[in-house]
Amino acid sequence: MRMITERPFEVEDRVEAGHWEGDLIMGTGNRSAIGTLLERSTRYLILLHIKDGVSSAETVAQALGTALAVLPVPVATQ
């Protein structure tokens, strides 16, 4: 994990694909949540449904794994 200010030039300038950014949007009391994944160069966006809110890191990891498993290879590895 890096601070945003520590991004390499390639990531900051969006000159190459393959650099993903993620975030969580949490509902009241963490009872609901949506994860976001954004590929910085192409602006390809994935919204993750976090079932039953965020109860653990495993819940988020499972949602990430499910979303990334169905990505076409060129999008996932560019």
PDB file of N, CA and C in Angstrom:
ATOM      1  N   MET A   1       0.845  -1.165   0.000  1.00  0.00           N
ATOM      2  CA  MET A   1       0.000   0.000   0.000  1.00  0.00           C
ATOM      3  C   MET A   1       0.897   1.238   0.000  1.00  0.00           C
ATOM      4  N   ARG A   2       0.514   2.182  -0.839  1.00  0.00           N
ATOM      5  CA  ARG A   2       1.260   3.444  -0.925  1.00  0.00           C
ATOM      6  C   ARG A   2       0.319   4.624  -0.762  1.00  0.00           C
ATOM      7  N   MET A   3       0.874   5.723  -0.338  1.00  0.00           N
ATOM      8  CA  MET A   3       0.115   6.964  -0.294  1.00  0.00           C
ATOM      9  C   MET A   3      -0.040   7.468  -1.720  1.00  0.00           C
ATOM     10  N   ILE A   4      -1.117   8.162  -1.985  1.00  0.00           N
ATOM     11  CA  ILE A   4      -1.371   8.685  -3.330  1.00  0.00           C
ATOM     12  C   ILE A   4      -0.216   9.559  -3.795  1.00  0.00           C
ATOM     13  N   THR A   5       0.396  10.305  -2.897  1.00  0.00           N
ATOM     14  CA  THR A   5       1.493  11.193  -3.270  1.00  0.00           C
ATOM     15  C   THR A   5       2.759  10.428  -3.657  1.00  0.00           C
ATOM     16  N   GLU A   6       2.813   9.128  -3.392  1.00  0.00           N
ATOM     17  CA  GLU A   6       3.986   8.308  -3.717  1.00  0.00           C
ATOM     18  C   GLU A   6       3.820   7.516  -5.012  1.00  0.00           C
ATOM     19  N   ARG A   7       2.792   7.816  -5.801  1.00  0.00           N
ATOM     20  CA  ARG A   7       2.573   7.095  -7.048  1.00  0.00           C
ATOM     21  C   ARG A   7       3.735   7.293  -8.012  1.00  0.00           C
ATOM     22  N   PRO A   8       4.121   6.229  -8.705  1.00  0.00           N
ATOM     23  CA  PRO A   8       5.124   6.377  -9.762  1.00  0.00           C
ATOM     24  C   PRO A   8       4.553   7.232 -10.909  1.00  0.00           C
ATOM     25  N   PHE A   9       5.420   7.787 -11.728  1.00  0.00           N
ATOM     26  CA  PHE A   9       5.014   8.648 -12.843  1.00  0.00           C
ATOM     27  C   PHE A   9       4.009   7.950 -13.756  1.00  0.00           C
ATOM     28  N   GLU A  10       4.250   6.681 -14.090  1.00  0.00           N
ATOM     29  CA  GLU A  10       3.392   5.950 -15.023  1.00  0.00           C
ATOM     30  C   GLU A  10       1.955   5.859 -14.517  1.00  0.00           C
ATOM     31  N   VAL A  11       1.809   5.751 -13.229  1.00  0.00           N
ATOM     32  CA  VAL A  11       0.478   5.661 -12.634  1.00  0.00           C
ATOM     33  C   VAL A  11      -0.165   7.041 -12.589  1.00  0.00           C
ATOM     34  N   GLU A  12       0.574   8.010 -12.121  1.00  0.00           N
ATOM     35  CA  GLU A  12       0.052   9.368 -11.984  1.00  0.00           C
ATOM     36  C   GLU A  12      -0.356   9.962 -13.327  1.00  0.00           C
ATOM     37  N   ASP A  13       0.460   9.732 -14.358  1.00  0.00           N
ATOM     38  CA  ASP A  13       0.217  10.324 -15.673  1.00  0.00           C
ATOM     39  C   ASP A  13      -0.725   9.490 -16.531  1.00  0.00           C
ATOM     40  N   ARG A  14      -1.073   8.292 -16.083  1.00  0.00           N
ATOM     41  CA  ARG A  14      -1.978   7.387 -16.801  1.00  0.00           C
ATOM     42  C   ARG A  14      -1.459   7.047 -18.196  1.00  0.00           C
ATOM     43  N   VAL A  15      -0.151   6.828 -18.332  1.00  0.00           N
ATOM     44  CA  VAL A  15       0.428   6.529 -19.639  1.00  0.00           C
ATOM     45  C   VAL A  15       0.361   5.050 -19.992  1.00  0.00           C
ATOM     46  N   GLU A  16       0.096   4.191 -19.027  1.00  0.00           N
ATOM     47  CA  GLU A  16      -0.031   2.769 -19.324  1.00  0.00           C
ATOM     48  C   GLU A  16      -1.173   2.171 -18.522  1.00  0.00           C
ATOM     49  N   ALA A  17      -1.798   1.180 -19.117  1.00  0.00           N
ATOM     50  CA  ALA A  17      -2.913   0.507 -18.445  1.00  0.00           C
ATOM     51  C   ALA A  17      -2.383  -0.524 -17.455  1.00  0.00           C
ATOM     52  N   GLY A  18      -3.237  -0.948 -16.542  1.00  0.00           N
ATOM     53  CA  GLY A  18      -2.880  -1.991 -15.596  1.00  0.00           C
ATOM     54  C   GLY A  18      -2.730  -1.516 -14.166  1.00  0.00           C
ATOM     55  N   HIS A  19      -2.984  -0.241 -13.933  1.00  0.00           N
ATOM     56  CA  HIS A  19      -2.876   0.308 -12.590  1.00  0.00           C
ATOM     57  C   HIS A  19      -4.287   0.547 -12.055  1.00  0.00           C
ATOM     58  N   TRP A  20      -4.647  -0.224 -11.052  1.00  0.00           N
ATOM     59  CA  TRP A  20      -5.995  -0.185 -10.494  1.00  0.00           C
ATOM     60  C   TRP A  20      -6.014   0.575  -9.170  1.00  0.00           C
ATOM     61  N   GLU A  21      -7.135   1.230  -8.924  1.00  0.00           N
ATOM     62  CA  GLU A  21      -7.365   1.968  -7.701  1.00  0.00           C
ATOM     63  C   GLU A  21      -8.662   1.442  -7.095  1.00  0.00           C
ATOM     64  N   GLY A  22      -8.716   1.290  -5.807  1.00  0.00           N
ATOM     65  CA  GLY A  22      -9.926   0.785  -5.182  1.00  0.00           C
ATOM     66  C   GLY A  22     -10.341   1.605  -3.986  1.00  0.00           C
ATOM     67  N   ASP A  23     -11.627   1.512  -3.675  1.00  0.00           N
ATOM     68  CA  ASP A  23     -12.151   2.217  -2.519  1.00  0.00           C
ATOM     69  C   ASP A  23     -13.407   1.499  -2.039  1.00  0.00           C
ATOM     70  N   LEU A  24     -13.840   1.815  -0.830  1.00  0.00           N
ATOM     71  CA  LEU A  24     -15.077   1.277  -0.268  1.00  0.00           C
ATOM     72  C   LEU A  24     -16.002   2.429   0.097  1.00  0.00           C
ATOM     73  N   ILE A  25     -17.267   2.260  -0.230  1.00  0.00           N
ATOM     74  CA  ILE A  25     -18.294   3.205   0.177  1.00  0.00           C
ATOM     75  C   ILE A  25     -19.137   2.470   1.208  1.00  0.00           C
ATOM     76  N   MET A  26     -19.116   2.968   2.422  1.00  0.00           N
ATOM     77  CA  MET A  26     -19.769   2.278   3.534  1.00  0.00           C
ATOM     78  C   MET A  26     -21.095   2.931   3.881  1.00  0.00           C
ATOM     79  N   GLY A  27     -22.097   2.090   4.124  1.00  0.00           N
ATOM     80  CA  GLY A  27     -23.391   2.575   4.573  1.00  0.00           C
ATOM     81  C   GLY A  27     -23.405   2.773   6.081  1.00  0.00           C
ATOM     82  N   THR A  28     -24.502   3.262   6.571  1.00  0.00           N
ATOM     83  CA  THR A  28     -24.664   3.507   8.001  1.00  0.00           C
ATOM     84  C   THR A  28     -24.448   2.230   8.799  1.00  0.00           C
ATOM     85  N   GLY A  29     -23.591   2.301   9.791  1.00  0.00           N
ATOM     86  CA  GLY A  29     -23.316   1.154  10.638  1.00  0.00           C
ATOM     87  C   GLY A  29     -22.656  -0.004   9.915  1.00  0.00           C
ATOM     88  N   ASN A  30     -22.068   0.257   8.759  1.00  0.00           N
ATOM     89  CA  ASN A  30     -21.417  -0.783   7.938  1.00  0.00           C
ATOM     90  C   ASN A  30     -22.367  -1.911   7.551  1.00  0.00           C
ATOM     91  N   ARG A  31     -23.671  -1.629   7.521  1.00  0.00           N
ATOM     92  CA  ARG A  31     -24.642  -2.656   7.158  1.00  0.00           C
ATOM     93  C   ARG A  31     -24.706  -2.868   5.650  1.00  0.00           C
ATOM     94  N   SER A  32     -24.193  -1.929   4.888  1.00  0.00           N
ATOM     95  CA  SER A  32     -24.143  -2.072   3.437  1.00  0.00           C
ATOM     96  C   SER A  32     -22.837  -1.459   2.944  1.00  0.00           C
ATOM     97  N   ALA A  33     -22.378  -1.939   1.809  1.00  0.00           N
ATOM     98  CA  ALA A  33     -21.127  -1.398   1.262  1.00  0.00           C
ATOM     99  C   ALA A  33     -21.051  -1.688  -0.231  1.00  0.00           C
ATOM    100  N   ILE A  34     -20.367  -0.807  -0.927  1.00  0.00           N
ATOM    101  CA  ILE A  34     -20.064  -0.975  -2.345  1.00  0.00           C
ATOM    102  C   ILE A  34     -18.569  -0.744  -2.487  1.00  0.00           C
ATOM    103  N   GLY A  35     -17.907  -1.636  -3.189  1.00  0.00           N
ATOM    104  CA  GLY A  35     -16.499  -1.459  -3.499  1.00  0.00           C
ATOM    105  C   GLY A  35     -16.363  -0.908  -4.905  1.00  0.00           C
ATOM    106  N   THR A  36     -15.346  -0.096  -5.117  1.00  0.00           N
ATOM    107  CA  THR A  36     -15.076   0.416  -6.458  1.00  0.00           C
ATOM    108  C   THR A  36     -13.665   0.022  -6.870  1.00  0.00           C
ATOM    109  N   LEU A  37     -13.524  -0.380  -8.109  1.00  0.00           N
ATOM    110  CA  LEU A  37     -12.214  -0.636  -8.713  1.00  0.00           C
ATOM    111  C   LEU A  37     -12.165   0.166 -10.003  1.00  0.00           C
ATOM    112  N   LEU A  38     -11.134   0.958 -10.160  1.00  0.00           N
ATOM    113  CA  LEU A  38     -10.991   1.798 -11.342  1.00  0.00           C
ATOM    114  C   LEU A  38      -9.618   1.591 -11.951  1.00  0.00           C
ATOM    115  N   GLU A  39      -9.592   1.239 -13.232  1.00  0.00           N
ATOM    116  CA  GLU A  39      -8.324   1.163 -13.959  1.00  0.00           C
ATOM    117  C   GLU A  39      -8.023   2.584 -14.404  1.00  0.00           C
ATOM    118  N   ARG A  40      -6.893   3.117 -13.994  1.00  0.00           N
ATOM    119  CA  ARG A  40      -6.624   4.547 -14.153  1.00  0.00           C
ATOM    120  C   ARG A  40      -6.466   5.009 -15.595  1.00  0.00           C
ATOM    121  N   SER A  41      -5.920   4.204 -16.460  1.00  0.00           N
ATOM    122  CA  SER A  41      -5.688   4.638 -17.832  1.00  0.00           C
ATOM    123  C   SER A  41      -6.957   4.555 -18.685  1.00  0.00           C
ATOM    124  N   THR A  42      -7.621   3.438 -18.657  1.00  0.00           N
ATOM    125  CA  THR A  42      -8.811   3.227 -19.494  1.00  0.00           C
ATOM    126  C   THR A  42     -10.081   3.749 -18.846  1.00  0.00           C
ATOM    127  N   ARG A  43     -10.027   4.003 -17.541  1.00  0.00           N
ATOM    128  CA  ARG A  43     -11.176   4.430 -16.741  1.00  0.00           C
ATOM    129  C   ARG A  43     -12.247   3.337 -16.649  1.00  0.00           C
ATOM    130  N   TYR A  44     -11.837   2.089 -16.854  1.00  0.00           N
ATOM    131  CA  TYR A  44     -12.737   0.948 -16.707  1.00  0.00           C
ATOM    132  C   TYR A  44     -13.113   0.836 -15.236  1.00  0.00           C
ATOM    133  N   LEU A  45     -14.408   0.821 -14.954  1.00  0.00           N
ATOM    134  CA  LEU A  45     -14.892   0.840 -13.581  1.00  0.00           C
ATOM    135  C   LEU A  45     -15.642  -0.447 -13.261  1.00  0.00           C
ATOM    136  N   ILE A  46     -15.377  -1.000 -12.100  1.00  0.00           N
ATOM    137  CA  ILE A  46     -16.097  -2.155 -11.591  1.00  0.00           C
ATOM    138  C   ILE A  46     -16.676  -1.765 -10.235  1.00  0.00           C
ATOM    139  N   LEU A  47     -17.974  -2.005 -10.073  1.00  0.00           N
ATOM    140  CA  LEU A  47     -18.609  -1.799  -8.784  1.00  0.00           C
ATOM    141  C   LEU A  47     -18.828  -3.162  -8.146  1.00  0.00           C
ATOM    142  N   LEU A  48     -18.445  -3.289  -6.902  1.00  0.00           N
ATOM    143  CA  LEU A  48     -18.541  -4.557  -6.188  1.00  0.00           C
ATOM    144  C   LEU A  48     -19.672  -4.503  -5.166  1.00  0.00           C
ATOM    145  N   HIS A  49     -20.543  -5.471  -5.248  1.00  0.00           N
ATOM    146  CA  HIS A  49     -21.572  -5.596  -4.221  1.00  0.00           C
ATOM    147  C   HIS A  49     -20.959  -6.359  -3.053  1.00  0.00           C
ATOM    148  N   ILE A  50     -20.874  -5.704  -1.921  1.00  0.00           N
ATOM    149  CA  ILE A  50     -20.353  -6.359  -0.719  1.00  0.00           C
ATOM    150  C   ILE A  50     -21.572  -6.868   0.049  1.00  0.00           C
ATOM    151  N   LYS A  51     -21.797  -8.162  -0.030  1.00  0.00           N
ATOM    152  CA  LYS A  51     -22.997  -8.755   0.558  1.00  0.00           C
ATOM    153  C   LYS A  51     -23.021  -8.544   2.072  1.00  0.00           C
ATOM    154  N   ASP A  52     -24.140  -8.073   2.557  1.00  0.00           N
ATOM    155  CA  ASP A  52     -24.360  -7.861   3.992  1.00  0.00           C
ATOM    156  C   ASP A  52     -23.369  -6.887   4.619  1.00  0.00           C
ATOM    157  N   GLY A  53     -22.871  -5.948   3.846  1.00  0.00           N
ATOM    158  CA  GLY A  53     -21.944  -4.957   4.382  1.00  0.00           C
ATOM    159  C   GLY A  53     -20.550  -5.542   4.580  1.00  0.00           C
ATOM    160  N   VAL A  54     -19.713  -4.776   5.222  1.00  0.00           N
ATOM    161  CA  VAL A  54     -18.330  -5.191   5.431  1.00  0.00           C
ATOM    162  C   VAL A  54     -18.211  -5.788   6.829  1.00  0.00           C
ATOM    163  N   SER A  55     -18.132  -7.104   6.883  1.00  0.00           N
ATOM    164  CA  SER A  55     -17.974  -7.752   8.178  1.00  0.00           C
ATOM    165  C   SER A  55     -16.525  -8.120   8.443  1.00  0.00           C
ATOM    166  N   SER A  56     -15.726  -8.239   7.358  1.00  0.00           N
ATOM    167  CA  SER A  56     -14.324  -8.611   7.534  1.00  0.00           C
ATOM    168  C   SER A  56     -13.548  -8.349   6.252  1.00  0.00           C
ATOM    169  N   ALA A  57     -12.236  -8.430   6.359  1.00  0.00           N
ATOM    170  CA  ALA A  57     -11.383  -8.309   5.178  1.00  0.00           C
ATOM    171  C   ALA A  57     -11.666  -9.446   4.197  1.00  0.00           C
ATOM    172  N   GLU A  58     -12.040 -10.613   4.718  1.00  0.00           N
ATOM    173  CA  GLU A  58     -12.344 -11.756   3.850  1.00  0.00           C
ATOM    174  C   GLU A  58     -13.568 -11.478   2.981  1.00  0.00           C
ATOM    175  N   THR A  59     -14.560 -10.771   3.519  1.00  0.00           N
ATOM    176  CA  THR A  59     -15.749 -10.414   2.753  1.00  0.00           C
ATOM    177  C   THR A  59     -15.369  -9.549   1.554  1.00  0.00           C
ATOM    178  N   VAL A  60     -14.521  -8.563   1.795  1.00  0.00           N
ATOM    179  CA  VAL A  60     -14.072  -7.674   0.719  1.00  0.00           C
ATOM    180  C   VAL A  60     -13.202  -8.453  -0.271  1.00  0.00           C
ATOM    181  N   ALA A  61     -12.302  -9.273   0.226  1.00  0.00           N
ATOM    182  CA  ALA A  61     -11.432 -10.063  -0.652  1.00  0.00           C
ATOM    183  C   ALA A  61     -12.244 -11.003  -1.532  1.00  0.00           C
ATOM    184  N   GLN A  62     -13.292 -11.587  -0.988  1.00  0.00           N
ATOM    185  CA  GLN A  62     -14.143 -12.484  -1.776  1.00  0.00           C
ATOM    186  C   GLN A  62     -14.836 -11.716  -2.902  1.00  0.00           C
ATOM    187  N   ALA A  63     -15.359 -10.534  -2.610  1.00  0.00           N
ATOM    188  CA  ALA A  63     -16.003  -9.718  -3.644  1.00  0.00           C
ATOM    189  C   ALA A  63     -15.000  -9.303  -4.720  1.00  0.00           C
ATOM    190  N   LEU A  64     -13.788  -8.940  -4.311  1.00  0.00           N
ATOM    191  CA  LEU A  64     -12.736  -8.591  -5.279  1.00  0.00           C
ATOM    192  C   LEU A  64     -12.392  -9.772  -6.168  1.00  0.00           C
ATOM    193  N   GLY A  65     -12.203 -10.927  -5.559  1.00  0.00           N
ATOM    194  CA  GLY A  65     -11.858 -12.126  -6.320  1.00  0.00           C
ATOM    195  C   GLY A  65     -12.923 -12.494  -7.317  1.00  0.00           C
ATOM    196  N   THR A  66     -14.181 -12.402  -6.917  1.00  0.00           N
ATOM    197  CA  THR A  66     -15.291 -12.719  -7.809  1.00  0.00           C
ATOM    198  C   THR A  66     -15.312 -11.774  -9.005  1.00  0.00           C
ATOM    199  N   ALA A  67     -15.143 -10.479  -8.755  1.00  0.00           N
ATOM    200  CA  ALA A  67     -15.175  -9.489  -9.831  1.00  0.00           C
ATOM    201  C   ALA A  67     -13.994  -9.646 -10.782  1.00  0.00           C
ATOM    202  N   LEU A  68     -12.804  -9.856 -10.242  1.00  0.00           N
ATOM    203  CA  LEU A  68     -11.614  -9.953 -11.093  1.00  0.00           C
ATOM    204  C   LEU A  68     -11.558 -11.265 -11.867  1.00  0.00           C
ATOM    205  N   ALA A  69     -12.199 -12.304 -11.354  1.00  0.00           N
ATOM    206  CA  ALA A  69     -12.176 -13.607 -12.028  1.00  0.00           C
ATOM    207  C   ALA A  69     -12.914 -13.584 -13.359  1.00  0.00           C
ATOM    208  N   VAL A  70     -13.862 -12.692 -13.520  1.00  0.00           N
ATOM    209  CA  VAL A  70     -14.646 -12.654 -14.760  1.00  0.00           C
ATOM    210  C   VAL A  70     -14.159 -11.592 -15.746  1.00  0.00           C
ATOM    211  N   LEU A  71     -13.096 -10.878 -15.396  1.00  0.00           N
ATOM    212  CA  LEU A  71     -12.554  -9.874 -16.319  1.00  0.00           C
ATOM    213  C   LEU A  71     -11.910 -10.550 -17.523  1.00  0.00           C
ATOM    214  N   PRO A  72     -12.094  -9.985 -18.706  1.00  0.00           N
ATOM    215  CA  PRO A  72     -11.339 -10.487 -19.852  1.00  0.00           C
ATOM    216  C   PRO A  72      -9.847 -10.313 -19.593  1.00  0.00           C
ATOM    217  N   VAL A  73      -9.033 -11.236 -20.036  1.00  0.00           N
ATOM    218  CA  VAL A  73      -7.588 -11.213 -19.774  1.00  0.00           C
ATOM    219  C   VAL A  73      -6.937  -9.892 -20.175  1.00  0.00           C
ATOM    220  N   PRO A  74      -7.233  -9.334 -21.354  1.00  0.00           N
ATOM    221  CA  PRO A  74      -6.577  -8.058 -21.709  1.00  0.00           C
ATOM    222  C   PRO A  74      -6.883  -6.919 -20.730  1.00  0.00           C
ATOM    223  N   VAL A  75      -8.075  -6.884 -20.192  1.00  0.00           N
ATOM    224  CA  VAL A  75      -8.428  -5.811 -19.251  1.00  0.00           C
ATOM    225  C   VAL A  75      -7.712  -6.037 -17.920  1.00  0.00           C
ATOM    226  N   ALA A  76      -7.652  -7.270 -17.481  1.00  0.00           N
ATOM    227  CA  ALA A  76      -7.063  -7.589 -16.192  1.00  0.00           C
ATOM    228  C   ALA A  76      -5.552  -7.400 -16.166  1.00  0.00           C
ATOM    229  N   THR A  77      -4.877  -7.593 -17.285  1.00  0.00           N
ATOM    230  CA  THR A  77      -3.418  -7.608 -17.276  1.00  0.00           C
ATOM    231  C   THR A  77      -2.766  -6.472 -18.044  1.00  0.00           C
ATOM    232  N   GLN A  78      -3.528  -5.563 -18.600  1.00  0.00           N
ATOM    233  CA  GLN A  78      -2.910  -4.504 -19.406  1.00  0.00           C
ATOM    234  C   GLN A  78      -2.017  -3.642 -18.574  1.00  0.00           C
TER     235      GLN A  78
END
